[in-house]
Amino acid sequence: MLYISILILCLFNPEITINSVKDCINLWANSVVPVLLPFFIISKAIYYSGGINYFSKILNPLTKILGLDKNICFPFAMTLLCGYQTGSKTIALMEKDGLKNVDYYANICFSSSPLFVIGTVGTSILNNTHEGYMLYLIHILSLLIFISIYQNKNNYEEIILSHTKGNITNAINESILGILSVCCYMILFSIIISIISTIHILPLKTTGILSGLLEITTGIKIVSSILNNPLPVISFYLSFGGCCVNMQCINNYNKINVIRFIINRIICGIISFILCYLYKKTAIYLPIAITAVIIIISNILRRKKSYLLKSSKSCDI
């Protein structure tokens, strides 16, 4: 019924629909493809060539501090360096090769890329590269806090992945399909945002904030122009991911608890909003100090087998 409604609205608003699609394709081509496509290709090529073991050795000290097992090192690195979609696609590849408890991995390997936050959001949209760095730092701090409180209550199993074989051609072909899929999702949500903005059923600020919950790139552009202090809201968007990104990530997995995933995205967004608000009211040192204290407390509780938020081994939707 939702898609039928969108189709009808598109037919009654053809000019708005066409213009929103054009704007979205320009945004995708200029801001998303340069940020995502190279990393899609590189991450898959690394995985197919067996490079996952190198990341396990490099990141093992950090994952031990956070109470994570070694299998998470590679997807965790990919999501930190390359963004949400790359992290989810990496976990999906590992799922095919025998990775267990994918539901837990999907919830904690969820981060925007530094190139998007610093370059696209900070430099291009906000015209302030320094704020881009601060947004990315807060983004990572909120993720570390979430990981610390969302500990896995089940014992980790030592799993040897079967490791799918592939080459650079496979990586390129799969990456092209992936980036085209991102474009289609962006177009769908861009049309919805444009129609909502045109029919004026909500106040301008409410419509602007809602747009970021649907598609973050478009939403960030809007709220940066209508809010006096948009950084906490933008920080929430980056950690929440937006419905567009969340749908892309969810569809990469065979089984995942969708409700838990969305709730956890909201929790991450709230943490990020609070940290960014504190940063704007005081200084960046306070969010850093809060994060360090929570990680220390989490380590103490983990040794006592106590958890603030508990994941589930069940992956049923």
C-alpha atoms as a PDB file:
ATOM      1  CA  MET A   1       0.000   0.000   0.000  1.00  0.00           C
ATOM      2  CA  LEU A   2       2.903   2.360   0.790  1.00  0.00           C
ATOM      3  CA  TYR A   3       4.472   1.908  -2.640  1.00  0.00           C
ATOM      4  CA  ILE A   4       1.111   2.357  -4.371  1.00  0.00           C
ATOM      5  CA  SER A   5       0.661   5.643  -2.486  1.00  0.00           C
ATOM      6  CA  ILE A   6       4.127   6.789  -3.563  1.00  0.00           C
ATOM      7  CA  LEU A   7       3.332   5.869  -7.175  1.00  0.00           C
ATOM      8  CA  ILE A   8       0.105   7.891  -7.107  1.00  0.00           C
ATOM      9  CA  LEU A   9       1.864  10.905  -5.571  1.00  0.00           C
ATOM     10  CA  CYS A  10       4.578  10.666  -8.243  1.00  0.00           C
ATOM     11  CA  LEU A  11       1.951  10.672 -10.998  1.00  0.00           C
ATOM     12  CA  PHE A  12       0.288  13.762  -9.526  1.00  0.00           C
ATOM     13  CA  ASN A  13       3.642  15.505  -8.989  1.00  0.00           C
ATOM     14  CA  PRO A  14       5.721  14.548 -12.060  1.00  0.00           C
ATOM     15  CA  GLU A  15       7.858  17.704 -12.096  1.00  0.00           C
ATOM     16  CA  ILE A  16       8.758  17.383  -8.429  1.00  0.00           C
ATOM     17  CA  THR A  17       9.529  13.683  -8.875  1.00  0.00           C
ATOM     18  CA  ILE A  18      11.787  14.249 -11.891  1.00  0.00           C
ATOM     19  CA  ASN A  19      13.671  17.103 -10.237  1.00  0.00           C
ATOM     20  CA  SER A  20      14.161  15.147  -6.998  1.00  0.00           C
ATOM     21  CA  VAL A  21      15.531  12.178  -8.954  1.00  0.00           C
ATOM     22  CA  LYS A  22      17.921  14.447 -10.885  1.00  0.00           C
ATOM     23  CA  ASP A  23      19.141  16.081  -7.668  1.00  0.00           C
ATOM     24  CA  CYS A  24      19.517  12.698  -6.010  1.00  0.00           C
ATOM     25  CA  ILE A  25      21.539  11.246  -8.905  1.00  0.00           C
ATOM     26  CA  ASN A  26      23.819  14.301  -8.834  1.00  0.00           C
ATOM     27  CA  LEU A  27      24.255  13.913  -5.076  1.00  0.00           C
ATOM     28  CA  TRP A  28      24.918  10.182  -5.498  1.00  0.00           C
ATOM     29  CA  ALA A  29      27.429  10.689  -8.318  1.00  0.00           C
ATOM     30  CA  ASN A  30      29.296  13.586  -6.695  1.00  0.00           C
ATOM     31  CA  SER A  31      29.194  12.696  -2.998  1.00  0.00           C
ATOM     32  CA  VAL A  32      28.404   8.999  -2.572  1.00  0.00           C
ATOM     33  CA  VAL A  33      30.189   7.161  -5.402  1.00  0.00           C
ATOM     34  CA  PRO A  34      33.619   8.692  -4.646  1.00  0.00           C
ATOM     35  CA  VAL A  35      33.167   7.859  -0.967  1.00  0.00           C
ATOM     36  CA  LEU A  36      31.808   4.313  -1.272  1.00  0.00           C
ATOM     37  CA  LEU A  37      32.773   2.626  -4.565  1.00  0.00           C
ATOM     38  CA  PRO A  38      36.569   2.490  -4.060  1.00  0.00           C
ATOM     39  CA  PHE A  39      36.082   1.031  -0.586  1.00  0.00           C
ATOM     40  CA  PHE A  40      33.510  -1.497  -1.803  1.00  0.00           C
ATOM     41  CA  ILE A  41      36.069  -2.798  -4.304  1.00  0.00           C
ATOM     42  CA  ILE A  42      39.068  -2.695  -1.955  1.00  0.00           C
ATOM     43  CA  SER A  43      37.298  -4.343   1.000  1.00  0.00           C
ATOM     44  CA  LYS A  44      36.040  -7.240  -1.139  1.00  0.00           C
ATOM     45  CA  ALA A  45      39.451  -7.662  -2.780  1.00  0.00           C
ATOM     46  CA  ILE A  46      41.115  -7.787   0.641  1.00  0.00           C
ATOM     47  CA  TYR A  47      38.617 -10.359   1.887  1.00  0.00           C
ATOM     48  CA  TYR A  48      38.932 -12.563  -1.197  1.00  0.00           C
ATOM     49  CA  SER A  49      42.736 -12.463  -0.970  1.00  0.00           C
ATOM     50  CA  GLY A  50      42.763 -13.583   2.668  1.00  0.00           C
ATOM     51  CA  GLY A  51      43.771 -10.222   4.161  1.00  0.00           C
ATOM     52  CA  ILE A  52      41.320 -10.692   7.026  1.00  0.00           C
ATOM     53  CA  ASN A  53      44.089 -12.301   9.119  1.00  0.00           C
ATOM     54  CA  TYR A  54      46.221  -9.131   9.036  1.00  0.00           C
ATOM     55  CA  PHE A  55      43.401  -7.021  10.454  1.00  0.00           C
ATOM     56  CA  SER A  56      42.837  -9.596  13.185  1.00  0.00           C
ATOM     57  CA  LYS A  57      46.442  -9.199  14.340  1.00  0.00           C
ATOM     58  CA  ILE A  58      46.430  -5.390  14.162  1.00  0.00           C
ATOM     59  CA  LEU A  59      43.088  -4.796  15.895  1.00  0.00           C
ATOM     60  CA  ASN A  60      43.233  -7.662  18.377  1.00  0.00           C
ATOM     61  CA  PRO A  61      44.396  -5.418  21.305  1.00  0.00           C
ATOM     62  CA  LEU A  62      41.490  -2.994  20.744  1.00  0.00           C
ATOM     63  CA  THR A  63      38.898  -5.745  20.429  1.00  0.00           C
ATOM     64  CA  LYS A  64      40.152  -7.322  23.655  1.00  0.00           C
ATOM     65  CA  ILE A  65      39.657  -4.026  25.493  1.00  0.00           C
ATOM     66  CA  LEU A  66      36.110  -3.846  24.146  1.00  0.00           C
ATOM     67  CA  GLY A  67      35.430  -7.509  24.938  1.00  0.00           C
ATOM     68  CA  LEU A  68      35.082  -8.598  21.311  1.00  0.00           C
ATOM     69  CA  ASP A  69      36.335 -11.752  19.616  1.00  0.00           C
ATOM     70  CA  LYS A  70      38.925 -11.824  16.825  1.00  0.00           C
ATOM     71  CA  ASN A  71      36.423 -12.614  14.055  1.00  0.00           C
ATOM     72  CA  ILE A  72      35.032  -9.112  14.354  1.00  0.00           C
ATOM     73  CA  CYS A  73      38.344  -7.347  13.605  1.00  0.00           C
ATOM     74  CA  PHE A  74      37.969  -7.228   9.818  1.00  0.00           C
ATOM     75  CA  PRO A  75      34.319  -6.088   9.538  1.00  0.00           C
ATOM     76  CA  PHE A  76      34.914  -3.644  12.396  1.00  0.00           C
ATOM     77  CA  ALA A  77      37.891  -2.134  10.537  1.00  0.00           C
ATOM     78  CA  MET A  78      35.921  -1.978   7.293  1.00  0.00           C
ATOM     79  CA  THR A  79      32.979  -0.175   8.853  1.00  0.00           C
ATOM     80  CA  LEU A  80      35.268   2.326  10.628  1.00  0.00           C
ATOM     81  CA  LEU A  81      37.263   3.075   7.485  1.00  0.00           C
ATOM     82  CA  CYS A  82      34.711   2.575   4.714  1.00  0.00           C
ATOM     83  CA  GLY A  83      31.254   3.081   6.178  1.00  0.00           C
ATOM     84  CA  TYR A  84      27.969   1.366   7.004  1.00  0.00           C
ATOM     85  CA  GLN A  85      27.399  -0.495   3.769  1.00  0.00           C
ATOM     86  CA  THR A  86      30.935  -1.864   3.499  1.00  0.00           C
ATOM     87  CA  GLY A  87      30.771  -3.180   7.056  1.00  0.00           C
ATOM     88  CA  SER A  88      27.421  -4.892   6.479  1.00  0.00           C
ATOM     89  CA  LYS A  89      28.525  -6.368   3.145  1.00  0.00           C
ATOM     90  CA  THR A  90      31.683  -7.718   4.805  1.00  0.00           C
ATOM     91  CA  ILE A  91      29.639  -9.378   7.559  1.00  0.00           C
ATOM     92  CA  ALA A  92      27.307 -10.827   4.906  1.00  0.00           C
ATOM     93  CA  LEU A  93      30.313 -12.370   3.128  1.00  0.00           C
ATOM     94  CA  MET A  94      31.540 -13.844   6.402  1.00  0.00           C
ATOM     95  CA  GLU A  95      28.045 -15.133   7.162  1.00  0.00           C
ATOM     96  CA  LYS A  96      28.165 -17.190   3.956  1.00  0.00           C
ATOM     97  CA  ASP A  97      31.501 -18.575   5.117  1.00  0.00           C
ATOM     98  CA  GLY A  98      30.154 -19.771   8.470  1.00  0.00           C
ATOM     99  CA  LEU A  99      30.152 -16.755  10.781  1.00  0.00           C
ATOM    100  CA  LYS A 100      27.731 -17.221  13.688  1.00  0.00           C
ATOM    101  CA  ASN A 101      25.816 -14.690  15.780  1.00  0.00           C
ATOM    102  CA  VAL A 102      25.517 -12.331  12.815  1.00  0.00           C
ATOM    103  CA  ASP A 103      22.787 -10.406  14.637  1.00  0.00           C
ATOM    104  CA  TYR A 104      25.324  -9.246  17.221  1.00  0.00           C
ATOM    105  CA  TYR A 105      27.998  -8.381  14.655  1.00  0.00           C
ATOM    106  CA  ALA A 106      25.514  -6.360  12.585  1.00  0.00           C
ATOM    107  CA  ASN A 107      24.556  -4.236  15.582  1.00  0.00           C
ATOM    108  CA  ILE A 108      28.079  -3.185  16.538  1.00  0.00           C
ATOM    109  CA  CYS A 109      29.767  -2.948  13.109  1.00  0.00           C
ATOM    110  CA  PHE A 110      27.822   0.133  12.070  1.00  0.00           C
ATOM    111  CA  SER A 111      29.706   3.345  11.402  1.00  0.00           C
ATOM    112  CA  SER A 112      29.946   6.090   8.812  1.00  0.00           C
ATOM    113  CA  SER A 113      33.224   6.520   6.971  1.00  0.00           C
ATOM    114  CA  PRO A 114      35.648   9.338   7.867  1.00  0.00           C
ATOM    115  CA  LEU A 115      35.663  10.476   4.239  1.00  0.00           C
ATOM    116  CA  PHE A 116      31.889  11.009   4.310  1.00  0.00           C
ATOM    117  CA  VAL A 117      31.755  12.703   7.730  1.00  0.00           C
ATOM    118  CA  ILE A 118      34.849  14.884   7.336  1.00  0.00           C
ATOM    119  CA  GLY A 119      34.747  15.472   3.583  1.00  0.00           C
ATOM    120  CA  THR A 120      31.096  15.432   2.533  1.00  0.00           C
ATOM    121  CA  VAL A 121      29.449  16.630   5.767  1.00  0.00           C
ATOM    122  CA  GLY A 122      32.184  18.819   7.252  1.00  0.00           C
ATOM    123  CA  THR A 123      33.859  20.361   4.215  1.00  0.00           C
ATOM    124  CA  SER A 124      31.156  20.257   1.525  1.00  0.00           C
ATOM    125  CA  ILE A 125      27.925  20.765   3.483  1.00  0.00           C
ATOM    126  CA  LEU A 126      28.964  22.648   6.638  1.00  0.00           C
ATOM    127  CA  ASN A 127      31.952  24.425   5.019  1.00  0.00           C
ATOM    128  CA  ASN A 128      33.872  23.646   8.203  1.00  0.00           C
ATOM    129  CA  THR A 129      36.403  20.812   8.063  1.00  0.00           C
ATOM    130  CA  HIS A 130      37.199  21.162  11.783  1.00  0.00           C
ATOM    131  CA  GLU A 131      33.568  20.432  12.700  1.00  0.00           C
ATOM    132  CA  GLY A 132      33.762  17.431  10.371  1.00  0.00           C
ATOM    133  CA  TYR A 133      36.655  16.044  12.421  1.00  0.00           C
ATOM    134  CA  MET A 134      34.775  16.707  15.652  1.00  0.00           C
ATOM    135  CA  LEU A 135      31.640  15.003  14.291  1.00  0.00           C
ATOM    136  CA  TYR A 136      33.632  11.926  13.306  1.00  0.00           C
ATOM    137  CA  LEU A 137      35.379  11.755  16.678  1.00  0.00           C
ATOM    138  CA  ILE A 138      32.018  11.987  18.486  1.00  0.00           C
ATOM    139  CA  HIS A 139      30.611   9.411  16.060  1.00  0.00           C
ATOM    140  CA  ILE A 140      33.363   6.935  17.014  1.00  0.00           C
ATOM    141  CA  LEU A 141      33.069   7.721  20.738  1.00  0.00           C
ATOM    142  CA  SER A 142      29.325   6.989  20.659  1.00  0.00           C
ATOM    143  CA  LEU A 143      30.000   3.688  18.860  1.00  0.00           C
ATOM    144  CA  LEU A 144      32.584   2.696  21.490  1.00  0.00           C
ATOM    145  CA  ILE A 145      30.111   3.519  24.265  1.00  0.00           C
ATOM    146  CA  PHE A 146      27.418   1.456  22.564  1.00  0.00           C
ATOM    147  CA  ILE A 147      29.772  -1.513  22.099  1.00  0.00           C
ATOM    148  CA  SER A 148      30.788  -1.279  25.758  1.00  0.00           C
ATOM    149  CA  ILE A 149      27.197  -1.421  27.029  1.00  0.00           C
ATOM    150  CA  TYR A 150      25.949  -3.902  24.409  1.00  0.00           C
ATOM    151  CA  GLN A 151      28.012  -6.902  25.417  1.00  0.00           C
ATOM    152  CA  ASN A 152      27.377 -10.371  24.053  1.00  0.00           C
ATOM    153  CA  LYS A 153      25.986 -12.541  26.859  1.00  0.00           C
ATOM    154  CA  ASN A 154      26.865 -15.753  25.011  1.00  0.00           C
ATOM    155  CA  ASN A 155      30.289 -17.340  25.011  1.00  0.00           C
ATOM    156  CA  TYR A 156      32.156 -16.794  21.788  1.00  0.00           C
ATOM    157  CA  GLU A 157      32.675 -19.848  19.648  1.00  0.00           C
ATOM    158  CA  GLU A 158      35.987 -20.389  17.909  1.00  0.00           C
ATOM    159  CA  ILE A 159      34.926 -20.465  14.273  1.00  0.00           C
ATOM    160  CA  ILE A 160      37.169 -21.159  11.310  1.00  0.00           C
ATOM    161  CA  LEU A 161      35.589 -19.489   8.302  1.00  0.00           C
ATOM    162  CA  SER A 162      35.527 -21.430   5.041  1.00  0.00           C
ATOM    163  CA  HIS A 163      36.655 -18.249   3.209  1.00  0.00           C
ATOM    164  CA  THR A 164      35.033 -17.624  -0.160  1.00  0.00           C
ATOM    165  CA  LYS A 165      37.474 -17.524  -3.054  1.00  0.00           C
ATOM    166  CA  GLY A 166      37.380 -14.660  -5.517  1.00  0.00           C
ATOM    167  CA  ASN A 167      39.461 -12.162  -7.453  1.00  0.00           C
ATOM    168  CA  ILE A 168      39.508  -8.488  -8.351  1.00  0.00           C
ATOM    169  CA  THR A 169      36.958  -9.029 -11.133  1.00  0.00           C
ATOM    170  CA  ASN A 170      34.479 -10.507  -8.659  1.00  0.00           C
ATOM    171  CA  ALA A 171      35.125  -7.589  -6.311  1.00  0.00           C
ATOM    172  CA  ILE A 172      34.490  -5.004  -9.069  1.00  0.00           C
ATOM    173  CA  ASN A 173      31.322  -6.658 -10.379  1.00  0.00           C
ATOM    174  CA  GLU A 174      29.796  -7.046  -6.920  1.00  0.00           C
ATOM    175  CA  SER A 175      30.784  -3.489  -5.969  1.00  0.00           C
ATOM    176  CA  ILE A 176      29.109  -1.994  -9.060  1.00  0.00           C
ATOM    177  CA  LEU A 177      25.873  -3.786  -8.192  1.00  0.00           C
ATOM    178  CA  GLY A 178      26.219  -2.573  -4.618  1.00  0.00           C
ATOM    179  CA  ILE A 179      26.703   1.096  -5.531  1.00  0.00           C
ATOM    180  CA  LEU A 180      23.765   0.976  -7.968  1.00  0.00           C
ATOM    181  CA  SER A 181      21.630  -0.459  -5.179  1.00  0.00           C
ATOM    182  CA  VAL A 182      22.620   2.499  -2.980  1.00  0.00           C
ATOM    183  CA  CYS A 183      21.507   4.874  -5.763  1.00  0.00           C
ATOM    184  CA  CYS A 184      18.093   3.214  -6.043  1.00  0.00           C
ATOM    185  CA  TYR A 185      17.488   3.422  -2.296  1.00  0.00           C
ATOM    186  CA  MET A 186      18.498   7.086  -2.287  1.00  0.00           C
ATOM    187  CA  ILE A 187      16.131   7.862  -5.181  1.00  0.00           C
ATOM    188  CA  LEU A 188      13.205   6.165  -3.421  1.00  0.00           C
ATOM    189  CA  PHE A 189      13.680   8.120  -0.202  1.00  0.00           C
ATOM    190  CA  SER A 190      14.490  11.353  -2.033  1.00  0.00           C
ATOM    191  CA  ILE A 191      11.126  11.177  -3.802  1.00  0.00           C
ATOM    192  CA  ILE A 192       9.360  10.631  -0.481  1.00  0.00           C
ATOM    193  CA  ILE A 193      11.178  13.592   1.110  1.00  0.00           C
ATOM    194  CA  SER A 194      10.403  15.866  -1.854  1.00  0.00           C
ATOM    195  CA  ILE A 195       6.715  15.009  -1.810  1.00  0.00           C
ATOM    196  CA  ILE A 196       6.450  15.519   1.963  1.00  0.00           C
ATOM    197  CA  SER A 197       8.193  18.898   1.616  1.00  0.00           C
ATOM    198  CA  THR A 198       5.906  19.997  -1.203  1.00  0.00           C
ATOM    199  CA  ILE A 199       2.509  19.163   0.268  1.00  0.00           C
ATOM    200  CA  HIS A 200       3.344  21.199   3.442  1.00  0.00           C
ATOM    201  CA  ILE A 201       1.556  18.920   5.897  1.00  0.00           C
ATOM    202  CA  LEU A 202       4.251  19.597   8.524  1.00  0.00           C
ATOM    203  CA  PRO A 203       6.186  22.707   9.663  1.00  0.00           C
ATOM    204  CA  LEU A 204       9.455  23.394   7.804  1.00  0.00           C
ATOM    205  CA  LYS A 205      11.746  22.422  10.705  1.00  0.00           C
ATOM    206  CA  THR A 206       9.788  19.238  11.401  1.00  0.00           C
ATOM    207  CA  THR A 207       9.952  18.278   7.715  1.00  0.00           C
ATOM    208  CA  GLY A 208      13.691  18.989   7.674  1.00  0.00           C
ATOM    209  CA  ILE A 209      14.362  16.856  10.746  1.00  0.00           C
ATOM    210  CA  LEU A 210      12.143  14.055   9.408  1.00  0.00           C
ATOM    211  CA  SER A 211      14.053  14.057   6.119  1.00  0.00           C
ATOM    212  CA  GLY A 212      17.269  13.178   7.954  1.00  0.00           C
ATOM    213  CA  LEU A 213      15.586  10.197   9.603  1.00  0.00           C
ATOM    214  CA  LEU A 214      14.716   8.925   6.127  1.00  0.00           C
ATOM    215  CA  GLU A 215      17.924   9.702   4.175  1.00  0.00           C
ATOM    216  CA  ILE A 216      20.863  11.226   6.012  1.00  0.00           C
ATOM    217  CA  THR A 217      22.725  12.991   3.186  1.00  0.00           C
ATOM    218  CA  THR A 218      19.641  14.906   2.065  1.00  0.00           C
ATOM    219  CA  GLY A 219      18.575  15.475   5.683  1.00  0.00           C
ATOM    220  CA  ILE A 220      21.961  16.864   6.724  1.00  0.00           C
ATOM    221  CA  LYS A 221      21.865  19.352   3.846  1.00  0.00           C
ATOM    222  CA  ILE A 222      18.412  20.524   4.925  1.00  0.00           C
ATOM    223  CA  VAL A 223      18.954  20.818   8.706  1.00  0.00           C
ATOM    224  CA  SER A 224      22.306  22.563   8.228  1.00  0.00           C
ATOM    225  CA  SER A 225      20.424  25.392   6.524  1.00  0.00           C
ATOM    226  CA  ILE A 226      17.402  25.676   8.845  1.00  0.00           C
ATOM    227  CA  LEU A 227      18.822  25.071  12.350  1.00  0.00           C
ATOM    228  CA  ASN A 228      21.024  27.473  14.305  1.00  0.00           C
ATOM    229  CA  ASN A 229      22.925  24.612  15.940  1.00  0.00           C
ATOM    230  CA  PRO A 230      22.566  21.596  13.639  1.00  0.00           C
ATOM    231  CA  LEU A 231      25.569  19.568  14.887  1.00  0.00           C
ATOM    232  CA  PRO A 232      23.799  17.490  17.611  1.00  0.00           C
ATOM    233  CA  VAL A 233      21.009  16.604  15.157  1.00  0.00           C
ATOM    234  CA  ILE A 234      23.546  15.746  12.440  1.00  0.00           C
ATOM    235  CA  SER A 235      25.438  13.646  14.974  1.00  0.00           C
ATOM    236  CA  PHE A 236      22.220  11.750  15.725  1.00  0.00           C
ATOM    237  CA  TYR A 237      21.657  11.124  12.004  1.00  0.00           C
ATOM    238  CA  LEU A 238      25.187   9.761  11.514  1.00  0.00           C
ATOM    239  CA  SER A 239      24.855   7.239  14.339  1.00  0.00           C
ATOM    240  CA  PHE A 240      21.242   6.338  13.551  1.00  0.00           C
ATOM    241  CA  GLY A 241      22.043   5.916   9.867  1.00  0.00           C
ATOM    242  CA  GLY A 242      18.648   6.856   8.476  1.00  0.00           C
ATOM    243  CA  CYS A 243      15.995   4.474   7.146  1.00  0.00           C
ATOM    244  CA  CYS A 244      17.677   4.402   3.729  1.00  0.00           C
ATOM    245  CA  VAL A 245      21.034   3.146   5.064  1.00  0.00           C
ATOM    246  CA  ASN A 246      19.387   0.847   7.611  1.00  0.00           C
ATOM    247  CA  MET A 247      17.331  -0.865   4.902  1.00  0.00           C
ATOM    248  CA  GLN A 248      20.445  -1.366   2.777  1.00  0.00           C
ATOM    249  CA  CYS A 249      22.323  -2.962   5.663  1.00  0.00           C
ATOM    250  CA  ILE A 250      19.420  -5.140   6.832  1.00  0.00           C
ATOM    251  CA  ASN A 251      18.893  -6.519   3.328  1.00  0.00           C
ATOM    252  CA  ASN A 252      22.488  -7.761   3.220  1.00  0.00           C
ATOM    253  CA  TYR A 253      21.786 -10.356   5.910  1.00  0.00           C
ATOM    254  CA  ASN A 254      19.873 -13.624   5.722  1.00  0.00           C
ATOM    255  CA  LYS A 255      18.550 -13.379   9.272  1.00  0.00           C
ATOM    256  CA  ILE A 256      18.572 -10.442  11.623  1.00  0.00           C
ATOM    257  CA  ASN A 257      16.267  -9.150  14.337  1.00  0.00           C
ATOM    258  CA  VAL A 258      15.084  -5.997  12.564  1.00  0.00           C
ATOM    259  CA  ILE A 259      13.294  -4.467  15.567  1.00  0.00           C
ATOM    260  CA  ARG A 260      16.345  -4.871  17.813  1.00  0.00           C
ATOM    261  CA  PHE A 261      18.573  -3.461  15.078  1.00  0.00           C
ATOM    262  CA  ILE A 262      16.449  -0.302  14.681  1.00  0.00           C
ATOM    263  CA  ILE A 263      16.179   0.182  18.456  1.00  0.00           C
ATOM    264  CA  ASN A 264      19.951  -0.079  18.773  1.00  0.00           C
ATOM    265  CA  ARG A 265      20.393   2.469  15.988  1.00  0.00           C
ATOM    266  CA  ILE A 266      18.167   4.873  17.931  1.00  0.00           C
ATOM    267  CA  ILE A 267      20.192   4.229  21.105  1.00  0.00           C
ATOM    268  CA  CYS A 268      23.416   5.001  19.203  1.00  0.00           C
ATOM    269  CA  GLY A 269      21.851   8.165  17.827  1.00  0.00           C
ATOM    270  CA  ILE A 270      20.787   9.359  21.277  1.00  0.00           C
ATOM    271  CA  ILE A 271      24.276   8.701  22.698  1.00  0.00           C
ATOM    272  CA  SER A 272      25.817  10.632  19.812  1.00  0.00           C
ATOM    273  CA  PHE A 273      23.357  13.518  20.221  1.00  0.00           C
ATOM    274  CA  ILE A 274      24.182  13.831  23.933  1.00  0.00           C
ATOM    275  CA  LEU A 275      27.950  13.711  23.355  1.00  0.00           C
ATOM    276  CA  CYS A 276      27.746  16.328  20.612  1.00  0.00           C
ATOM    277  CA  TYR A 277      25.534  18.576  22.743  1.00  0.00           C
ATOM    278  CA  LEU A 278      28.066  18.346  25.597  1.00  0.00           C
ATOM    279  CA  TYR A 279      30.872  19.115  23.138  1.00  0.00           C
ATOM    280  CA  LYS A 280      29.118  22.259  21.922  1.00  0.00           C
ATOM    281  CA  LYS A 281      28.346  23.377  25.501  1.00  0.00           C
ATOM    282  CA  THR A 282      31.786  22.599  26.952  1.00  0.00           C
ATOM    283  CA  ALA A 283      34.695  21.031  25.028  1.00  0.00           C
ATOM    284  CA  ILE A 284      35.595  17.788  23.275  1.00  0.00           C
ATOM    285  CA  TYR A 285      37.472  16.608  26.376  1.00  0.00           C
ATOM    286  CA  LEU A 286      34.227  15.897  28.242  1.00  0.00           C
ATOM    287  CA  PRO A 287      32.838  13.370  25.683  1.00  0.00           C
ATOM    288  CA  ILE A 288      36.269  11.695  25.570  1.00  0.00           C
ATOM    289  CA  ALA A 289      36.378  11.452  29.378  1.00  0.00           C
ATOM    290  CA  ILE A 290      32.828  10.060  29.559  1.00  0.00           C
ATOM    291  CA  THR A 291      33.672   7.420  26.936  1.00  0.00           C
ATOM    292  CA  ALA A 292      36.823   6.340  28.803  1.00  0.00           C
ATOM    293  CA  VAL A 293      34.910   6.003  32.104  1.00  0.00           C
ATOM    294  CA  ILE A 294      32.156   3.914  30.501  1.00  0.00           C
ATOM    295  CA  ILE A 295      34.699   1.578  28.838  1.00  0.00           C
ATOM    296  CA  ILE A 296      36.472   1.081  32.183  1.00  0.00           C
ATOM    297  CA  ILE A 297      33.197   0.378  34.019  1.00  0.00           C
ATOM    298  CA  SER A 298      32.147  -1.991  31.223  1.00  0.00           C
ATOM    299  CA  ASN A 299      35.390  -3.965  31.580  1.00  0.00           C
ATOM    300  CA  ILE A 300      34.815  -4.302  35.330  1.00  0.00           C
ATOM    301  CA  LEU A 301      31.231  -5.464  34.824  1.00  0.00           C
ATOM    302  CA  ARG A 302      32.278  -7.883  32.079  1.00  0.00           C
ATOM    303  CA  ARG A 303      34.710  -9.603  34.412  1.00  0.00           C
ATOM    304  CA  LYS A 304      31.796 -10.053  36.815  1.00  0.00           C
ATOM    305  CA  LYS A 305      29.612 -11.259  33.887  1.00  0.00           C
ATOM    306  CA  SER A 306      27.212  -8.316  34.230  1.00  0.00           C
ATOM    307  CA  TYR A 307      25.928  -6.410  31.214  1.00  0.00           C
ATOM    308  CA  LEU A 308      24.122  -3.127  30.716  1.00  0.00           C
ATOM    309  CA  LEU A 309      22.501  -4.210  27.459  1.00  0.00           C
ATOM    310  CA  LYS A 310      22.404  -7.866  26.488  1.00  0.00           C
ATOM    311  CA  SER A 311      22.366  -9.162  22.961  1.00  0.00           C
ATOM    312  CA  SER A 312      20.532 -12.316  22.020  1.00  0.00           C
ATOM    313  CA  LYS A 313      21.805 -15.374  20.229  1.00  0.00           C
ATOM    314  CA  SER A 314      18.510 -15.560  18.397  1.00  0.00           C
ATOM    315  CA  CYS A 315      18.491 -13.996  14.947  1.00  0.00           C
ATOM    316  CA  ASP A 316      14.840 -14.507  14.178  1.00  0.00           C
ATOM    317  CA  ILE A 317      12.996 -11.568  12.685  1.00  0.00           C
END
